[in-house]
Amino acid sequence: MHQPLVAISTDVRQFDNYTWHAAPQQYLEAAIAGAGVFPVLVPSFGDRLDFDELLSSVDGVMVTGSKSNVHPSLYGGDASEANGPYDPARDATTLPLIRRAIERGVPLLAICRGIQEMNVALGGTLGTEIQEREGSFDHRAPVSDNQDERFAIHQTISIKPGSCLAGVFGAGDIKVNSLHRQAIDRLGPKLQIEAVAGDGTVEAVSVRDSRAFAVGVQWHPEYWVNSDSNSVKIFRAFGDAVRLHATAKAGARAAAE
């Protein structure tokens, strides 16, 4: 089976006296099993990387979730220890990669931290500790040492009629998981809302007039990709877009020869 290459973001972490550039296995499993693509980890070296060269070699980009938050200085906010941890090397890599992928029409799927990076990359801002806002639900993970309980599907969101995701899930309500304490505040001008929670929190966005699939989701479909139908649908849609891009790129190369 042909597996087109998809660039996957990485976090910078310290383990065993080494600096690691890594991604959680759930995202890599979802890329392979759900989207049918070959995940390629992109080290977080910022402007030392040639993003155009990378995007000429891959057919999609997936921006993963993470425990770290986008640094508030990138959207006019105030950094605090309580709002951390931060990963400035990742920010310096993912934000320009997101912008360039959209400009070049390379399919993009951004998850959790990824949707927040997507919004900041396109001129939006983030709200922090949203569970403290009046009228807001508590979107944080349930307190548990059991990962299945933390990632349990329990929150209802509404998919906008006529949106990109309405073509994936159908319009109306679906259930997802919820493990975040930040969310989109001011929407980036190039983005449009795809789904919201019952308290109005933005749960999914897409790029307006995008040349390719370019979607961000606030929940974690990667965790249940092997057992939940809605979780796998988003990865199948992304994988289909990646293969379409790969086919178009191959056709353009053949025509030029």
Protein backbone atom coordinates (compact mmCIF):
# COMPACT_ATOMS: atom_id res chain seq x y z
CA MET A 1 0.00 0.00 0.00
CA HIS A 2 1.36 3.41 -0.99
CA GLN A 3 1.99 5.62 2.06
CA PRO A 4 2.61 9.27 1.16
CA LEU A 5 4.90 11.14 3.53
CA VAL A 6 3.42 13.44 6.17
CA ALA A 7 5.50 15.82 8.29
CA ILE A 8 4.78 15.52 12.03
CA SER A 9 5.65 18.21 14.57
CA THR A 10 7.86 17.40 17.55
CA ASP A 11 8.22 18.60 21.13
CA VAL A 12 11.62 19.35 22.64
CA ARG A 13 12.13 17.42 25.88
CA GLN A 14 14.96 16.54 28.25
CA PHE A 15 15.41 12.84 29.06
CA ASP A 16 18.41 10.94 30.45
CA ASN A 17 20.74 13.92 29.98
CA TYR A 18 19.82 14.24 26.30
CA THR A 19 17.68 16.72 24.41
CA TRP A 20 15.02 14.84 22.44
CA HIS A 21 12.77 15.92 19.58
CA ALA A 22 9.79 13.59 19.91
CA ALA A 23 6.09 12.99 19.24
CA PRO A 24 3.65 10.79 21.21
CA GLN A 25 3.02 7.38 19.68
CA GLN A 26 -0.77 7.90 19.50
CA TYR A 27 -0.34 10.52 16.76
CA LEU A 28 2.02 8.32 14.77
CA GLU A 29 -0.33 5.35 15.11
CA ALA A 30 -3.25 7.51 13.97
CA ALA A 31 -1.26 8.72 10.97
CA ILE A 32 -0.53 5.15 9.90
CA ALA A 33 -3.74 3.34 10.89
CA GLY A 34 -6.24 6.17 10.40
CA ALA A 35 -4.82 8.26 7.56
CA GLY A 36 -2.75 5.56 5.86
CA VAL A 37 0.32 7.78 5.62
CA PHE A 38 4.01 7.52 6.51
CA PRO A 39 4.77 9.86 9.46
CA VAL A 40 8.07 11.74 9.29
CA LEU A 41 9.15 13.60 12.43
CA VAL A 42 10.32 17.17 11.89
CA PRO A 43 12.91 18.34 14.45
CA SER A 44 12.14 21.67 16.07
CA PHE A 45 15.04 23.77 14.79
CA GLY A 46 13.04 26.77 13.62
CA ASP A 47 14.51 28.88 10.83
CA ARG A 48 17.48 26.54 10.49
CA LEU A 49 15.09 24.31 8.51
CA ASP A 50 14.21 24.81 4.85
CA PHE A 51 10.41 24.51 5.00
CA ASP A 52 10.00 24.79 1.25
CA GLU A 53 12.34 21.85 0.75
CA LEU A 54 10.39 19.87 3.35
CA LEU A 55 7.02 20.69 1.78
CA SER A 56 8.31 19.71 -1.64
CA SER A 57 9.13 16.27 -0.21
CA VAL A 58 5.97 15.52 1.80
CA ASP A 59 2.27 15.55 0.93
CA GLY A 60 0.79 16.62 4.26
CA VAL A 61 1.50 18.17 7.65
CA MET A 62 0.15 17.07 11.03
CA VAL A 63 0.63 19.33 14.06
CA THR A 64 0.22 17.34 17.27
CA GLY A 65 -1.07 18.13 20.71
CA SER A 66 1.30 18.68 23.63
CA LYS A 67 1.40 19.53 27.33
CA SER A 68 3.19 22.76 26.48
CA ASN A 69 1.43 25.97 25.46
CA VAL A 70 2.18 28.49 22.72
CA HIS A 71 4.26 31.27 24.25
CA PRO A 72 1.95 34.25 24.96
CA SER A 73 4.49 36.74 23.57
CA LEU A 74 3.56 35.43 20.11
CA TYR A 75 -0.01 36.74 20.39
CA GLY A 76 0.38 39.73 22.70
CA GLY A 77 -0.30 37.88 25.96
CA ASP A 78 1.59 37.77 29.24
CA ALA A 79 3.72 34.74 30.07
CA SER A 80 3.41 33.24 33.54
CA GLU A 81 4.66 30.10 35.22
CA ALA A 82 1.05 29.00 35.77
CA ASN A 83 0.31 29.22 32.05
CA GLY A 84 3.34 27.07 31.11
CA PRO A 85 5.17 24.99 30.31
CA TYR A 86 6.38 26.50 27.06
CA ASP A 87 8.34 25.11 24.12
CA PRO A 88 9.79 28.05 22.16
CA ALA A 89 11.75 25.80 19.78
CA ARG A 90 8.51 24.10 18.74
CA ASP A 91 6.76 27.48 18.32
CA ALA A 92 9.60 28.67 16.09
CA THR A 93 9.11 25.61 13.89
CA THR A 94 5.38 24.95 13.77
CA LEU A 95 4.12 28.50 13.22
CA PRO A 96 6.11 29.16 10.04
CA LEU A 97 5.52 25.57 8.87
CA ILE A 98 1.75 26.02 9.24
CA ARG A 99 1.80 29.30 7.33
CA ARG A 100 3.94 27.88 4.52
CA ALA A 101 1.87 24.68 4.21
CA ILE A 102 -1.30 26.76 3.80
CA GLU A 103 0.35 29.06 1.27
CA ARG A 104 1.51 26.07 -0.79
CA GLY A 105 -1.76 24.15 -0.56
CA VAL A 106 -0.30 21.21 1.37
CA PRO A 107 -2.99 19.38 3.42
CA LEU A 108 -2.86 20.23 7.12
CA LEU A 109 -4.37 18.66 10.23
CA ALA A 110 -3.74 20.45 13.55
CA ILE A 111 -4.75 18.84 16.86
CA CYS A 112 -5.17 20.42 20.32
CA ARG A 113 -2.03 22.56 20.74
CA GLY A 114 -1.96 22.39 16.96
CA ILE A 115 -5.24 24.30 16.50
CA GLN A 116 -3.92 26.93 18.91
CA GLU A 117 -0.67 27.20 16.94
CA MET A 118 -2.72 27.44 13.74
CA ASN A 119 -4.75 30.33 15.14
CA VAL A 120 -1.68 32.20 16.41
CA ALA A 121 0.20 31.57 13.14
CA LEU A 122 -2.68 33.24 11.27
CA GLY A 123 -3.00 36.29 13.51
CA GLY A 124 -5.37 35.10 16.25
CA THR A 125 -5.08 35.04 20.04
CA LEU A 126 -5.66 32.47 22.77
CA GLY A 127 -7.64 32.51 25.99
CA THR A 128 -5.91 30.91 28.98
CA GLU A 129 -7.46 29.00 31.87
CA ILE A 130 -10.84 29.13 30.14
CA GLN A 131 -12.48 27.10 32.91
CA GLU A 132 -12.29 30.29 34.99
CA ARG A 133 -14.35 32.34 32.52
CA GLU A 134 -17.94 33.05 33.46
CA GLY A 135 -20.28 30.64 31.72
CA SER A 136 -17.50 28.37 30.48
CA PHE A 137 -17.44 24.61 30.92
CA ASP A 138 -14.43 22.91 32.47
CA HIS A 139 -12.72 21.52 29.36
CA ARG A 140 -9.83 19.99 31.27
CA ALA A 141 -9.24 16.24 31.44
CA PRO A 142 -10.97 14.32 34.24
CA VAL A 143 -8.63 13.79 37.19
CA SER A 144 -7.43 10.20 36.88
CA ASP A 145 -4.28 8.11 36.57
CA ASN A 146 -6.06 6.05 33.92
CA GLN A 147 -5.45 7.41 30.43
CA ASP A 148 -8.66 5.90 29.03
CA GLU A 149 -10.61 7.83 31.65
CA ARG A 150 -8.68 11.06 30.94
CA PHE A 151 -9.34 10.75 27.20
CA ALA A 152 -12.93 9.54 27.57
CA ILE A 153 -15.40 10.76 24.96
CA HIS A 154 -17.96 12.80 26.89
CA GLN A 155 -18.35 16.32 25.45
CA THR A 156 -20.93 17.29 22.84
CA ILE A 157 -19.91 19.69 20.07
CA SER A 158 -21.95 21.09 17.19
CA ILE A 159 -20.65 20.90 13.62
CA LYS A 160 -21.55 23.96 11.54
CA PRO A 161 -23.86 23.22 8.56
CA GLY A 162 -22.09 23.63 5.24
CA SER A 163 -18.64 23.48 6.84
CA CYS A 164 -15.71 21.32 5.80
CA LEU A 165 -16.30 19.03 8.78
CA ALA A 166 -19.99 18.72 7.93
CA GLY A 167 -18.72 16.84 4.91
CA VAL A 168 -16.73 14.56 7.21
CA PHE A 169 -19.18 13.99 10.09
CA GLY A 170 -22.43 15.45 8.82
CA ALA A 171 -23.92 18.60 10.34
CA GLY A 172 -25.21 18.49 13.91
CA ASP A 173 -23.84 17.15 17.17
CA ILE A 174 -21.08 14.64 17.77
CA LYS A 175 -19.31 13.57 20.97
CA VAL A 176 -15.58 14.08 21.48
CA ASN A 177 -13.09 14.14 24.35
CA SER A 178 -11.80 17.32 26.00
CA LEU A 179 -8.43 17.87 27.67
CA HIS A 180 -7.57 21.56 27.34
CA ARG A 181 -7.37 24.67 29.50
CA GLN A 182 -6.67 27.07 26.64
CA ALA A 183 -8.76 27.81 23.58
CA ILE A 184 -9.10 30.24 20.70
CA ASP A 185 -10.02 33.74 21.83
CA ARG A 186 -9.84 36.07 18.82
CA LEU A 187 -10.08 34.05 15.64
CA GLY A 188 -7.37 34.52 13.02
CA PRO A 189 -8.77 36.49 10.05
CA LYS A 190 -8.09 33.66 7.56
CA LEU A 191 -9.93 31.10 9.68
CA GLN A 192 -13.58 30.12 9.95
CA ILE A 193 -15.29 28.22 12.75
CA GLU A 194 -16.21 24.61 12.00
CA ALA A 195 -17.53 23.47 15.39
CA VAL A 196 -18.29 24.82 18.87
CA ALA A 197 -18.99 23.38 22.31
CA GLY A 198 -22.18 24.13 24.21
CA ASP A 199 -20.54 27.09 25.96
CA GLY A 200 -19.40 28.62 22.67
CA THR A 201 -15.79 27.46 22.91
CA VAL A 202 -14.30 27.02 19.44
CA GLU A 203 -13.67 23.32 18.90
CA ALA A 204 -12.64 23.24 15.22
CA VAL A 205 -11.58 25.67 12.50
CA SER A 206 -10.62 25.59 8.84
CA VAL A 207 -8.76 27.96 6.55
CA ARG A 208 -11.14 30.07 4.49
CA ASP A 209 -10.75 29.49 0.72
CA SER A 210 -7.94 27.03 1.34
CA ARG A 211 -6.32 25.31 -1.64
CA ALA A 212 -6.37 22.01 0.29
CA PHE A 213 -7.72 20.39 3.47
CA ALA A 214 -6.60 22.67 6.32
CA VAL A 215 -8.41 21.90 9.57
CA GLY A 216 -7.68 22.28 13.26
CA VAL A 217 -9.53 20.44 16.03
CA GLN A 218 -9.33 21.11 19.75
CA TRP A 219 -10.11 17.54 20.84
CA HIS A 220 -7.98 14.37 20.57
CA PRO A 221 -9.22 12.03 17.83
CA GLU A 222 -5.83 10.27 17.72
CA TYR A 223 -6.47 8.51 21.04
CA TRP A 224 -9.49 6.51 19.83
CA VAL A 225 -8.63 6.16 16.15
CA ASN A 226 -8.82 2.35 16.33
CA SER A 227 -12.20 2.16 18.05
CA ASP A 228 -14.29 5.34 17.58
CA SER A 229 -15.93 5.99 14.19
CA ASN A 230 -15.81 9.78 14.47
CA SER A 231 -12.16 9.72 15.49
CA VAL A 232 -11.14 7.72 12.45
CA LYS A 233 -13.27 9.84 10.08
CA ILE A 234 -11.10 12.94 10.54
CA PHE A 235 -7.93 10.97 9.82
CA ARG A 236 -9.45 9.30 6.77
CA ALA A 237 -10.47 12.70 5.42
CA PHE A 238 -6.94 14.01 6.00
CA GLY A 239 -5.40 10.90 4.42
CA ASP A 240 -7.64 11.24 1.36
CA ALA A 241 -6.55 14.87 0.98
CA VAL A 242 -2.90 13.86 1.30
CA ARG A 243 -3.26 11.21 -1.41
CA LEU A 244 -5.07 13.67 -3.67
CA HIS A 245 -2.20 16.14 -3.22
CA ALA A 246 0.37 13.42 -3.93
CA THR A 247 -1.44 12.40 -7.12
CA ALA A 248 -1.69 16.01 -8.32
CA LYS A 249 1.98 16.59 -7.58
CA ALA A 250 2.99 13.44 -9.46
CA GLY A 251 0.84 14.51 -12.41
CA ALA A 252 2.46 17.94 -12.49
CA ARG A 253 5.92 16.36 -12.47
CA ALA A 254 4.99 13.98 -15.29
CA ALA A 255 3.58 16.84 -17.38
CA ALA A 256 6.79 18.82 -16.92
CA GLU A 257 9.01 15.96 -18.13
